[in-house]
Amino acid sequence: MQAATTDQFYNVGSGVKTTIKELAELLLQLTRAGTGMQYEPGGMTLVKNRVGSPVKAERELGFATHVELRDGLRNLIEWRSVHRAGDQQLRSKRGGYEAPGVSA
């Protein structure tokens, strides 16, 4: 996908509200983590709900989501587990973390 637009910001989600709690529960479920959630006091905020609208991205970029959150997270977790070993080998060769394509 390529667009002529520059210097713009877009929401590239589905426009469906997902709470942090729902997201955390889904991640714990998909990763089969043996832990639960730990709650900490929240900071002061005036905005309680944020739902990004994907309308601008669809109108200006032709972007529309076709992947459900659960499926997208599952795919990301699987992709990450496949690439984790390669990342660890790269870090050990370089003596620590270094972003790909960046040299000191």
PDB file of N, CA and C in Angstrom:
ATOM      1  N   MET A   1       0.844  -1.161   0.000  1.00  0.00           N
ATOM      2  CA  MET A   1       0.000   0.000   0.000  1.00  0.00           C
ATOM      3  C   MET A   1       0.900   1.239   0.000  1.00  0.00           C
ATOM      4  N   GLN A   2       0.635   2.162  -0.870  1.00  0.00           N
ATOM      5  CA  GLN A   2       1.398   3.397  -0.937  1.00  0.00           C
ATOM      6  C   GLN A   2       0.433   4.541  -1.227  1.00  0.00           C
ATOM      7  N   ALA A   3       0.652   5.668  -0.546  1.00  0.00           N
ATOM      8  CA  ALA A   3      -0.207   6.829  -0.735  1.00  0.00           C
ATOM      9  C   ALA A   3       0.656   8.068  -0.921  1.00  0.00           C
ATOM     10  N   ALA A   4       0.103   9.070  -1.552  1.00  0.00           N
ATOM     11  CA  ALA A   4       0.838  10.301  -1.820  1.00  0.00           C
ATOM     12  C   ALA A   4       0.848  11.239  -0.623  1.00  0.00           C
ATOM     13  N   THR A   5       0.092  10.963   0.388  1.00  0.00           N
ATOM     14  CA  THR A   5      -0.016  11.855   1.539  1.00  0.00           C
ATOM     15  C   THR A   5       1.230  11.802   2.421  1.00  0.00           C
ATOM     16  N   THR A   6       1.591  12.946   2.998  1.00  0.00           N
ATOM     17  CA  THR A   6       2.707  13.014   3.944  1.00  0.00           C
ATOM     18  C   THR A   6       2.304  13.895   5.113  1.00  0.00           C
ATOM     19  N   ASP A   7       3.020  13.774   6.208  1.00  0.00           N
ATOM     20  CA  ASP A   7       2.830  14.617   7.388  1.00  0.00           C
ATOM     21  C   ASP A   7       1.401  14.605   7.914  1.00  0.00           C
ATOM     22  N   GLN A   8       0.780  13.448   7.905  1.00  0.00           N
ATOM     23  CA  GLN A   8      -0.578  13.284   8.415  1.00  0.00           C
ATOM     24  C   GLN A   8      -0.574  12.193   9.481  1.00  0.00           C
ATOM     25  N   PHE A   9      -1.587  12.172  10.310  1.00  0.00           N
ATOM     26  CA  PHE A   9      -1.755  11.148  11.332  1.00  0.00           C
ATOM     27  C   PHE A   9      -3.054  10.404  11.066  1.00  0.00           C
ATOM     28  N   TYR A  10      -3.001   9.081  11.229  1.00  0.00           N
ATOM     29  CA  TYR A  10      -4.170   8.256  10.927  1.00  0.00           C
ATOM     30  C   TYR A  10      -4.385   7.217  12.019  1.00  0.00           C
ATOM     31  N   ASN A  11      -5.633   6.921  12.299  1.00  0.00           N
ATOM     32  CA  ASN A  11      -5.998   5.781  13.120  1.00  0.00           C
ATOM     33  C   ASN A  11      -6.196   4.620  12.152  1.00  0.00           C
ATOM     34  N   VAL A  12      -5.476   3.552  12.375  1.00  0.00           N
ATOM     35  CA  VAL A  12      -5.581   2.421  11.459  1.00  0.00           C
ATOM     36  C   VAL A  12      -6.172   1.198  12.167  1.00  0.00           C
ATOM     37  N   GLY A  13      -7.081   1.462  13.074  1.00  0.00           N
ATOM     38  CA  GLY A  13      -7.770   0.383  13.773  1.00  0.00           C
ATOM     39  C   GLY A  13      -9.127   0.131  13.158  1.00  0.00           C
ATOM     40  N   SER A  14      -9.956  -0.547  13.926  1.00  0.00           N
ATOM     41  CA  SER A  14     -11.278  -0.925  13.438  1.00  0.00           C
ATOM     42  C   SER A  14     -12.357   0.076  13.833  1.00  0.00           C
ATOM     43  N   GLY A  15     -12.038   0.969  14.767  1.00  0.00           N
ATOM     44  CA  GLY A  15     -13.045   1.879  15.275  1.00  0.00           C
ATOM     45  C   GLY A  15     -13.895   1.258  16.374  1.00  0.00           C
ATOM     46  N   VAL A  16     -13.527   0.054  16.813  1.00  0.00           N
ATOM     47  CA  VAL A  16     -14.248  -0.642  17.879  1.00  0.00           C
ATOM     48  C   VAL A  16     -13.528  -0.384  19.203  1.00  0.00           C
ATOM     49  N   LYS A  17     -14.288   0.041  20.206  1.00  0.00           N
ATOM     50  CA  LYS A  17     -13.712   0.320  21.524  1.00  0.00           C
ATOM     51  C   LYS A  17     -13.191  -0.964  22.153  1.00  0.00           C
ATOM     52  N   THR A  18     -11.946  -0.901  22.640  1.00  0.00           N
ATOM     53  CA  THR A  18     -11.339  -2.004  23.380  1.00  0.00           C
ATOM     54  C   THR A  18     -10.676  -1.404  24.605  1.00  0.00           C
ATOM     55  N   THR A  19     -11.051  -1.877  25.780  1.00  0.00           N
ATOM     56  CA  THR A  19     -10.451  -1.346  26.998  1.00  0.00           C
ATOM     57  C   THR A  19      -9.074  -1.960  27.206  1.00  0.00           C
ATOM     58  N   ILE A  20      -8.259  -1.298  28.004  1.00  0.00           N
ATOM     59  CA  ILE A  20      -6.943  -1.840  28.352  1.00  0.00           C
ATOM     60  C   ILE A  20      -7.113  -3.187  29.049  1.00  0.00           C
ATOM     61  N   LYS A  21      -8.127  -3.291  29.897  1.00  0.00           N
ATOM     62  CA  LYS A  21      -8.388  -4.557  30.585  1.00  0.00           C
ATOM     63  C   LYS A  21      -8.724  -5.664  29.587  1.00  0.00           C
ATOM     64  N   GLU A  22      -9.588  -5.371  28.625  1.00  0.00           N
ATOM     65  CA  GLU A  22      -9.942  -6.374  27.608  1.00  0.00           C
ATOM     66  C   GLU A  22      -8.718  -6.788  26.800  1.00  0.00           C
ATOM     67  N   LEU A  23      -7.892  -5.813  26.446  1.00  0.00           N
ATOM     68  CA  LEU A  23      -6.683  -6.100  25.679  1.00  0.00           C
ATOM     69  C   LEU A  23      -5.723  -6.968  26.493  1.00  0.00           C
ATOM     70  N   ALA A  24      -5.526  -6.617  27.765  1.00  0.00           N
ATOM     71  CA  ALA A  24      -4.638  -7.396  28.629  1.00  0.00           C
ATOM     72  C   ALA A  24      -5.155  -8.821  28.806  1.00  0.00           C
ATOM     73  N   GLU A  25      -6.460  -8.973  29.040  1.00  0.00           N
ATOM     74  CA  GLU A  25      -7.040 -10.310  29.193  1.00  0.00           C
ATOM     75  C   GLU A  25      -6.859 -11.141  27.928  1.00  0.00           C
ATOM     76  N   LEU A  26      -7.036 -10.516  26.787  1.00  0.00           N
ATOM     77  CA  LEU A  26      -6.875 -11.214  25.517  1.00  0.00           C
ATOM     78  C   LEU A  26      -5.418 -11.643  25.316  1.00  0.00           C
ATOM     79  N   LEU A  27      -4.482 -10.763  25.633  1.00  0.00           N
ATOM     80  CA  LEU A  27      -3.061 -11.108  25.512  1.00  0.00           C
ATOM     81  C   LEU A  27      -2.680 -12.247  26.459  1.00  0.00           C
ATOM     82  N   LEU A  28      -3.177 -12.195  27.684  1.00  0.00           N
ATOM     83  CA  LEU A  28      -2.896 -13.281  28.630  1.00  0.00           C
ATOM     84  C   LEU A  28      -3.457 -14.600  28.122  1.00  0.00           C
ATOM     85  N   GLN A  29      -4.642 -14.552  27.551  1.00  0.00           N
ATOM     86  CA  GLN A  29      -5.267 -15.758  27.017  1.00  0.00           C
ATOM     87  C   GLN A  29      -4.485 -16.302  25.813  1.00  0.00           C
ATOM     88  N   LEU A  30      -4.157 -15.439  24.862  1.00  0.00           N
ATOM     89  CA  LEU A  30      -3.466 -15.878  23.643  1.00  0.00           C
ATOM     90  C   LEU A  30      -2.053 -16.377  23.897  1.00  0.00           C
ATOM     91  N   THR A  31      -1.384 -15.798  24.890  1.00  0.00           N
ATOM     92  CA  THR A  31      -0.017 -16.219  25.201  1.00  0.00           C
ATOM     93  C   THR A  31       0.011 -17.358  26.197  1.00  0.00           C
ATOM     94  N   ARG A  32      -1.180 -17.713  26.694  1.00  0.00           N
ATOM     95  CA  ARG A  32      -1.307 -18.773  27.706  1.00  0.00           C
ATOM     96  C   ARG A  32      -0.410 -18.484  28.912  1.00  0.00           C
ATOM     97  N   ALA A  33      -0.342 -17.220  29.258  1.00  0.00           N
ATOM     98  CA  ALA A  33       0.453 -16.800  30.408  1.00  0.00           C
ATOM     99  C   ALA A  33      -0.155 -17.376  31.673  1.00  0.00           C
ATOM    100  N   GLY A  34       0.679 -17.828  32.545  1.00  0.00           N
ATOM    101  CA  GLY A  34       0.203 -18.409  33.799  1.00  0.00           C
ATOM    102  C   GLY A  34       0.034 -17.375  34.890  1.00  0.00           C
ATOM    103  N   THR A  35      -0.044 -16.130  34.508  1.00  0.00           N
ATOM    104  CA  THR A  35      -0.174 -15.060  35.495  1.00  0.00           C
ATOM    105  C   THR A  35      -1.491 -14.332  35.296  1.00  0.00           C
ATOM    106  N   GLY A  36      -1.853 -13.602  36.284  1.00  0.00           N
ATOM    107  CA  GLY A  36      -3.037 -12.768  36.183  1.00  0.00           C
ATOM    108  C   GLY A  36      -2.615 -11.317  36.042  1.00  0.00           C
ATOM    109  N   MET A  37      -3.591 -10.451  36.089  1.00  0.00           N
ATOM    110  CA  MET A  37      -3.296  -9.027  35.995  1.00  0.00           C
ATOM    111  C   MET A  37      -3.012  -8.463  37.372  1.00  0.00           C
ATOM    112  N   GLN A  38      -2.159  -7.475  37.393  1.00  0.00           N
ATOM    113  CA  GLN A  38      -1.878  -6.744  38.623  1.00  0.00           C
ATOM    114  C   GLN A  38      -2.325  -5.317  38.399  1.00  0.00           C
ATOM    115  N   TYR A  39      -3.199  -4.839  39.244  1.00  0.00           N
ATOM    116  CA  TYR A  39      -3.743  -3.497  39.087  1.00  0.00           C
ATOM    117  C   TYR A  39      -2.944  -2.501  39.912  1.00  0.00           C
ATOM    118  N   GLU A  40      -2.690  -1.366  39.339  1.00  0.00           N
ATOM    119  CA  GLU A  40      -2.001  -0.265  40.000  1.00  0.00           C
ATOM    120  C   GLU A  40      -2.924   0.942  39.967  1.00  0.00           C
ATOM    121  N   PRO A  41      -2.756   1.861  40.900  1.00  0.00           N
ATOM    122  CA  PRO A  41      -3.593   3.066  40.866  1.00  0.00           C
ATOM    123  C   PRO A  41      -3.389   3.821  39.553  1.00  0.00           C
ATOM    124  N   GLY A  42      -4.477   4.264  38.995  1.00  0.00           N
ATOM    125  CA  GLY A  42      -4.407   5.003  37.742  1.00  0.00           C
ATOM    126  C   GLY A  42      -4.053   6.459  37.969  1.00  0.00           C
ATOM    127  N   GLY A  43      -3.555   7.080  36.942  1.00  0.00           N
ATOM    128  CA  GLY A  43      -3.254   8.499  37.007  1.00  0.00           C
ATOM    129  C   GLY A  43      -4.508   9.320  36.776  1.00  0.00           C
ATOM    130  N   MET A  44      -4.388  10.589  36.960  1.00  0.00           N
ATOM    131  CA  MET A  44      -5.502  11.504  36.753  1.00  0.00           C
ATOM    132  C   MET A  44      -5.725  11.693  35.260  1.00  0.00           C
ATOM    133  N   THR A  45      -6.934  11.474  34.815  1.00  0.00           N
ATOM    134  CA  THR A  45      -7.255  11.674  33.401  1.00  0.00           C
ATOM    135  C   THR A  45      -8.676  12.203  33.277  1.00  0.00           C
ATOM    136  N   LEU A  46      -8.868  13.037  32.316  1.00  0.00           N
ATOM    137  CA  LEU A  46     -10.204  13.571  32.056  1.00  0.00           C
ATOM    138  C   LEU A  46     -10.938  12.745  31.010  1.00  0.00           C
ATOM    139  N   VAL A  47     -10.186  12.058  30.172  1.00  0.00           N
ATOM    140  CA  VAL A  47     -10.775  11.263  29.100  1.00  0.00           C
ATOM    141  C   VAL A  47     -10.816   9.806  29.550  1.00  0.00           C
ATOM    142  N   LYS A  48     -11.994   9.244  29.604  1.00  0.00           N
ATOM    143  CA  LYS A  48     -12.155   7.864  30.058  1.00  0.00           C
ATOM    144  C   LYS A  48     -12.229   6.874  28.901  1.00  0.00           C
ATOM    145  N   ASN A  49     -12.711   7.305  27.757  1.00  0.00           N
ATOM    146  CA  ASN A  49     -12.853   6.420  26.600  1.00  0.00           C
ATOM    147  C   ASN A  49     -12.241   7.069  25.374  1.00  0.00           C
ATOM    148  N   ARG A  50     -11.442   6.301  24.668  1.00  0.00           N
ATOM    149  CA  ARG A  50     -10.856   6.775  23.418  1.00  0.00           C
ATOM    150  C   ARG A  50     -11.117   5.714  22.350  1.00  0.00           C
ATOM    151  N   VAL A  51     -11.749   6.098  21.297  1.00  0.00           N
ATOM    152  CA  VAL A  51     -11.999   5.186  20.185  1.00  0.00           C
ATOM    153  C   VAL A  51     -11.570   5.918  18.929  1.00  0.00           C
ATOM    154  N   GLY A  52     -10.515   5.427  18.305  1.00  0.00           N
ATOM    155  CA  GLY A  52     -10.031   6.060  17.084  1.00  0.00           C
ATOM    156  C   GLY A  52     -10.954   5.785  15.916  1.00  0.00           C
ATOM    157  N   SER A  53     -11.181   6.788  15.116  1.00  0.00           N
ATOM    158  CA  SER A  53     -12.014   6.621  13.927  1.00  0.00           C
ATOM    159  C   SER A  53     -11.117   6.349  12.721  1.00  0.00           C
ATOM    160  N   PRO A  54     -11.343   5.244  12.034  1.00  0.00           N
ATOM    161  CA  PRO A  54     -10.546   4.911  10.867  1.00  0.00           C
ATOM    162  C   PRO A  54     -11.030   5.580   9.577  1.00  0.00           C
ATOM    163  N   VAL A  55     -12.004   6.472   9.660  1.00  0.00           N
ATOM    164  CA  VAL A  55     -12.619   7.075   8.470  1.00  0.00           C
ATOM    165  C   VAL A  55     -11.598   7.824   7.616  1.00  0.00           C
ATOM    166  N   LYS A  56     -10.748   8.644   8.252  1.00  0.00           N
ATOM    167  CA  LYS A  56      -9.756   9.414   7.502  1.00  0.00           C
ATOM    168  C   LYS A  56      -8.773   8.492   6.780  1.00  0.00           C
ATOM    169  N   ALA A  57      -8.325   7.430   7.427  1.00  0.00           N
ATOM    170  CA  ALA A  57      -7.402   6.489   6.793  1.00  0.00           C
ATOM    171  C   ALA A  57      -8.044   5.797   5.604  1.00  0.00           C
ATOM    172  N   GLU A  58      -9.316   5.479   5.742  1.00  0.00           N
ATOM    173  CA  GLU A  58     -10.007   4.830   4.625  1.00  0.00           C
ATOM    174  C   GLU A  58     -10.205   5.810   3.472  1.00  0.00           C
ATOM    175  N   ARG A  59     -10.599   7.027   3.807  1.00  0.00           N
ATOM    176  CA  ARG A  59     -10.871   8.032   2.786  1.00  0.00           C
ATOM    177  C   ARG A  59      -9.589   8.461   2.056  1.00  0.00           C
ATOM    178  N   GLU A  60      -8.515   8.731   2.799  1.00  0.00           N
ATOM    179  CA  GLU A  60      -7.307   9.277   2.189  1.00  0.00           C
ATOM    180  C   GLU A  60      -6.286   8.233   1.753  1.00  0.00           C
ATOM    181  N   LEU A  61      -6.300   7.072   2.399  1.00  0.00           N
ATOM    182  CA  LEU A  61      -5.301   6.041   2.091  1.00  0.00           C
ATOM    183  C   LEU A  61      -5.891   4.785   1.472  1.00  0.00           C
ATOM    184  N   GLY A  62      -7.202   4.661   1.564  1.00  0.00           N
ATOM    185  CA  GLY A  62      -7.832   3.432   1.089  1.00  0.00           C
ATOM    186  C   GLY A  62      -7.636   2.286   2.068  1.00  0.00           C
ATOM    187  N   PHE A  63      -7.274   2.601   3.326  1.00  0.00           N
ATOM    188  CA  PHE A  63      -7.045   1.572   4.334  1.00  0.00           C
ATOM    189  C   PHE A  63      -8.347   1.200   5.034  1.00  0.00           C
ATOM    190  N   ALA A  64      -8.586  -0.072   5.117  1.00  0.00           N
ATOM    191  CA  ALA A  64      -9.702  -0.583   5.910  1.00  0.00           C
ATOM    192  C   ALA A  64      -9.229  -1.879   6.556  1.00  0.00           C
ATOM    193  N   THR A  65      -9.500  -2.019   7.839  1.00  0.00           N
ATOM    194  CA  THR A  65      -9.066  -3.232   8.531  1.00  0.00           C
ATOM    195  C   THR A  65      -9.900  -4.429   8.091  1.00  0.00           C
ATOM    196  N   HIS A  66      -9.227  -5.542   7.949  1.00  0.00           N
ATOM    197  CA  HIS A  66      -9.910  -6.781   7.575  1.00  0.00           C
ATOM    198  C   HIS A  66      -9.577  -7.904   8.552  1.00  0.00           C
ATOM    199  N   VAL A  67      -8.823  -7.576   9.591  1.00  0.00           N
ATOM    200  CA  VAL A  67      -8.378  -8.575  10.559  1.00  0.00           C
ATOM    201  C   VAL A  67      -8.963  -8.228  11.924  1.00  0.00           C
ATOM    202  N   GLU A  68      -9.602  -9.179  12.547  1.00  0.00           N
ATOM    203  CA  GLU A  68     -10.143  -8.979  13.890  1.00  0.00           C
ATOM    204  C   GLU A  68      -8.985  -8.874  14.884  1.00  0.00           C
ATOM    205  N   LEU A  69      -9.213  -8.159  15.977  1.00  0.00           N
ATOM    206  CA  LEU A  69      -8.173  -7.943  16.984  1.00  0.00           C
ATOM    207  C   LEU A  69      -7.567  -9.254  17.460  1.00  0.00           C
ATOM    208  N   ARG A  70      -8.394 -10.219  17.824  1.00  0.00           N
ATOM    209  CA  ARG A  70      -7.888 -11.514  18.306  1.00  0.00           C
ATOM    210  C   ARG A  70      -6.972 -12.171  17.276  1.00  0.00           C
ATOM    211  N   ASP A  71      -7.377 -12.188  16.019  1.00  0.00           N
ATOM    212  CA  ASP A  71      -6.570 -12.814  14.970  1.00  0.00           C
ATOM    213  C   ASP A  71      -5.273 -12.051  14.737  1.00  0.00           C
ATOM    214  N   GLY A  72      -5.344 -10.723  14.744  1.00  0.00           N
ATOM    215  CA  GLY A  72      -4.153  -9.911  14.545  1.00  0.00           C
ATOM    216  C   GLY A  72      -3.149 -10.097  15.664  1.00  0.00           C
ATOM    217  N   LEU A  73      -3.625 -10.133  16.897  1.00  0.00           N
ATOM    218  CA  LEU A  73      -2.720 -10.365  18.023  1.00  0.00           C
ATOM    219  C   LEU A  73      -2.126 -11.765  17.974  1.00  0.00           C
ATOM    220  N   ARG A  74      -2.937 -12.748  17.634  1.00  0.00           N
ATOM    221  CA  ARG A  74      -2.433 -14.116  17.516  1.00  0.00           C
ATOM    222  C   ARG A  74      -1.338 -14.184  16.452  1.00  0.00           C
ATOM    223  N   ASN A  75      -1.573 -13.547  15.307  1.00  0.00           N
ATOM    224  CA  ASN A  75      -0.567 -13.534  14.246  1.00  0.00           C
ATOM    225  C   ASN A  75       0.711 -12.839  14.700  1.00  0.00           C
ATOM    226  N   LEU A  76       0.569 -11.721  15.408  1.00  0.00           N
ATOM    227  CA  LEU A  76       1.732 -10.986  15.908  1.00  0.00           C
ATOM    228  C   LEU A  76       2.520 -11.817  16.910  1.00  0.00           C
ATOM    229  N   ILE A  77       1.830 -12.492  17.820  1.00  0.00           N
ATOM    230  CA  ILE A  77       2.492 -13.335  18.816  1.00  0.00           C
ATOM    231  C   ILE A  77       3.242 -14.473  18.134  1.00  0.00           C
ATOM    232  N   GLU A  78       2.622 -15.110  17.150  1.00  0.00           N
ATOM    233  CA  GLU A  78       3.284 -16.192  16.419  1.00  0.00           C
ATOM    234  C   GLU A  78       4.497 -15.669  15.655  1.00  0.00           C
ATOM    235  N   TRP A  79       4.355 -14.531  14.977  1.00  0.00           N
ATOM    236  CA  TRP A  79       5.466 -13.934  14.228  1.00  0.00           C
ATOM    237  C   TRP A  79       6.620 -13.604  15.171  1.00  0.00           C
ATOM    238  N   ARG A  80       6.279 -13.023  16.318  1.00  0.00           N
ATOM    239  CA  ARG A  80       7.307 -12.624  17.275  1.00  0.00           C
ATOM    240  C   ARG A  80       8.050 -13.833  17.823  1.00  0.00           C
ATOM    241  N   SER A  81       7.339 -14.922  18.100  1.00  0.00           N
ATOM    242  CA  SER A  81       8.007 -16.108  18.643  1.00  0.00           C
ATOM    243  C   SER A  81       8.956 -16.717  17.618  1.00  0.00           C
ATOM    244  N   VAL A  82       8.619 -16.651  16.343  1.00  0.00           N
ATOM    245  CA  VAL A  82       9.494 -17.159  15.290  1.00  0.00           C
ATOM    246  C   VAL A  82      10.759 -16.300  15.170  1.00  0.00           C
ATOM    247  N   HIS A  83      10.609 -14.990  15.319  1.00  0.00           N
ATOM    248  CA  HIS A  83      11.738 -14.075  15.127  1.00  0.00           C
ATOM    249  C   HIS A  83      12.535 -13.801  16.396  1.00  0.00           C
ATOM    250  N   ARG A  84      12.053 -14.215  17.535  1.00  0.00           N
ATOM    251  CA  ARG A  84      12.741 -13.938  18.799  1.00  0.00           C
ATOM    252  C   ARG A  84      14.134 -14.560  18.850  1.00  0.00           C
ATOM    253  N   ALA A  85      14.282 -15.791  18.399  1.00  0.00           N
ATOM    254  CA  ALA A  85      15.586 -16.453  18.445  1.00  0.00           C
ATOM    255  C   ALA A  85      16.607 -15.693  17.609  1.00  0.00           C
ATOM    256  N   GLY A  86      16.210 -15.240  16.438  1.00  0.00           N
ATOM    257  CA  GLY A  86      17.117 -14.471  15.588  1.00  0.00           C
ATOM    258  C   GLY A  86      17.523 -13.154  16.225  1.00  0.00           C
ATOM    259  N   ASP A  87      16.583 -12.504  16.911  1.00  0.00           N
ATOM    260  CA  ASP A  87      16.887 -11.250  17.603  1.00  0.00           C
ATOM    261  C   ASP A  87      17.903 -11.481  18.706  1.00  0.00           C
ATOM    262  N   GLN A  88      17.745 -12.558  19.464  1.00  0.00           N
ATOM    263  CA  GLN A  88      18.660 -12.846  20.560  1.00  0.00           C
ATOM    264  C   GLN A  88      20.054 -13.144  20.038  1.00  0.00           C
ATOM    265  N   GLN A  89      20.157 -13.861  18.927  1.00  0.00           N
ATOM    266  CA  GLN A  89      21.459 -14.143  18.333  1.00  0.00           C
ATOM    267  C   GLN A  89      22.126 -12.852  17.865  1.00  0.00           C
ATOM    268  N   LEU A  90      21.359 -11.970  17.245  1.00  0.00           N
ATOM    269  CA  LEU A  90      21.884 -10.702  16.773  1.00  0.00           C
ATOM    270  C   LEU A  90      22.387  -9.855  17.938  1.00  0.00           C
ATOM    271  N   ARG A  91      21.631  -9.805  19.018  1.00  0.00           N
ATOM    272  CA  ARG A  91      22.056  -9.033  20.188  1.00  0.00           C
ATOM    273  C   ARG A  91      23.338  -9.578  20.790  1.00  0.00           C
ATOM    274  N   SER A  92      23.441 -10.902  20.901  1.00  0.00           N
ATOM    275  CA  SER A  92      24.635 -11.479  21.514  1.00  0.00           C
ATOM    276  C   SER A  92      25.865 -11.238  20.643  1.00  0.00           C
ATOM    277  N   LYS A  93      25.706 -11.236  19.331  1.00  0.00           N
ATOM    278  CA  LYS A  93      26.833 -10.934  18.432  1.00  0.00           C
ATOM    279  C   LYS A  93      27.305  -9.502  18.603  1.00  0.00           C
ATOM    280  N   ARG A  94      26.354  -8.604  18.868  1.00  0.00           N
ATOM    281  CA  ARG A  94      26.675  -7.182  18.977  1.00  0.00           C
ATOM    282  C   ARG A  94      26.985  -6.766  20.408  1.00  0.00           C
ATOM    283  N   GLY A  95      26.885  -7.684  21.340  1.00  0.00           N
ATOM    284  CA  GLY A  95      27.196  -7.368  22.729  1.00  0.00           C
ATOM    285  C   GLY A  95      26.097  -6.603  23.444  1.00  0.00           C
ATOM    286  N   GLY A  96      24.884  -6.705  22.980  1.00  0.00           N
ATOM    287  CA  GLY A  96      23.766  -6.003  23.598  1.00  0.00           C
ATOM    288  C   GLY A  96      22.755  -5.635  22.562  1.00  0.00           C
ATOM    289  N   TYR A  97      21.798  -4.805  22.929  1.00  0.00           N
ATOM    290  CA  TYR A  97      20.745  -4.430  22.003  1.00  0.00           C
ATOM    291  C   TYR A  97      21.209  -3.327  21.074  1.00  0.00           C
ATOM    292  N   GLU A  98      20.894  -3.506  19.821  1.00  0.00           N
ATOM    293  CA  GLU A  98      21.117  -2.468  18.826  1.00  0.00           C
ATOM    294  C   GLU A  98      20.003  -2.594  17.809  1.00  0.00           C
ATOM    295  N   ALA A  99      19.357  -1.518  17.493  1.00  0.00           N
ATOM    296  CA  ALA A  99      18.264  -1.557  16.538  1.00  0.00           C
ATOM    297  C   ALA A  99      18.789  -2.020  15.183  1.00  0.00           C
ATOM    298  N   PRO A 100      18.022  -2.856  14.479  1.00  0.00           N
ATOM    299  CA  PRO A 100      18.446  -3.314  13.157  1.00  0.00           C
ATOM    300  C   PRO A 100      18.732  -2.126  12.229  1.00  0.00           C
ATOM    301  N   GLY A 101      19.827  -2.223  11.503  1.00  0.00           N
ATOM    302  CA  GLY A 101      20.173  -1.180  10.538  1.00  0.00           C
ATOM    303  C   GLY A 101      20.868   0.024  11.160  1.00  0.00           C
ATOM    304  N   VAL A 102      21.116  -0.039  12.475  1.00  0.00           N
ATOM    305  CA  VAL A 102      21.777   1.070  13.153  1.00  0.00           C
ATOM    306  C   VAL A 102      23.130   0.593  13.646  1.00  0.00           C
ATOM    307  N   SER A 103      24.170   1.282  13.308  1.00  0.00           N
ATOM    308  CA  SER A 103      25.488   0.903  13.788  1.00  0.00           C
ATOM    309  C   SER A 103      26.081   2.051  14.581  1.00  0.00           C
ATOM    310  N   ALA A 104      26.896   1.688  15.544  1.00  0.00           N
ATOM    311  CA  ALA A 104      27.492   2.699  16.440  1.00  0.00           C
ATOM    312  C   ALA A 104      28.638   3.412  15.799  1.00  0.00           C
TER     313      ALA A 104
END
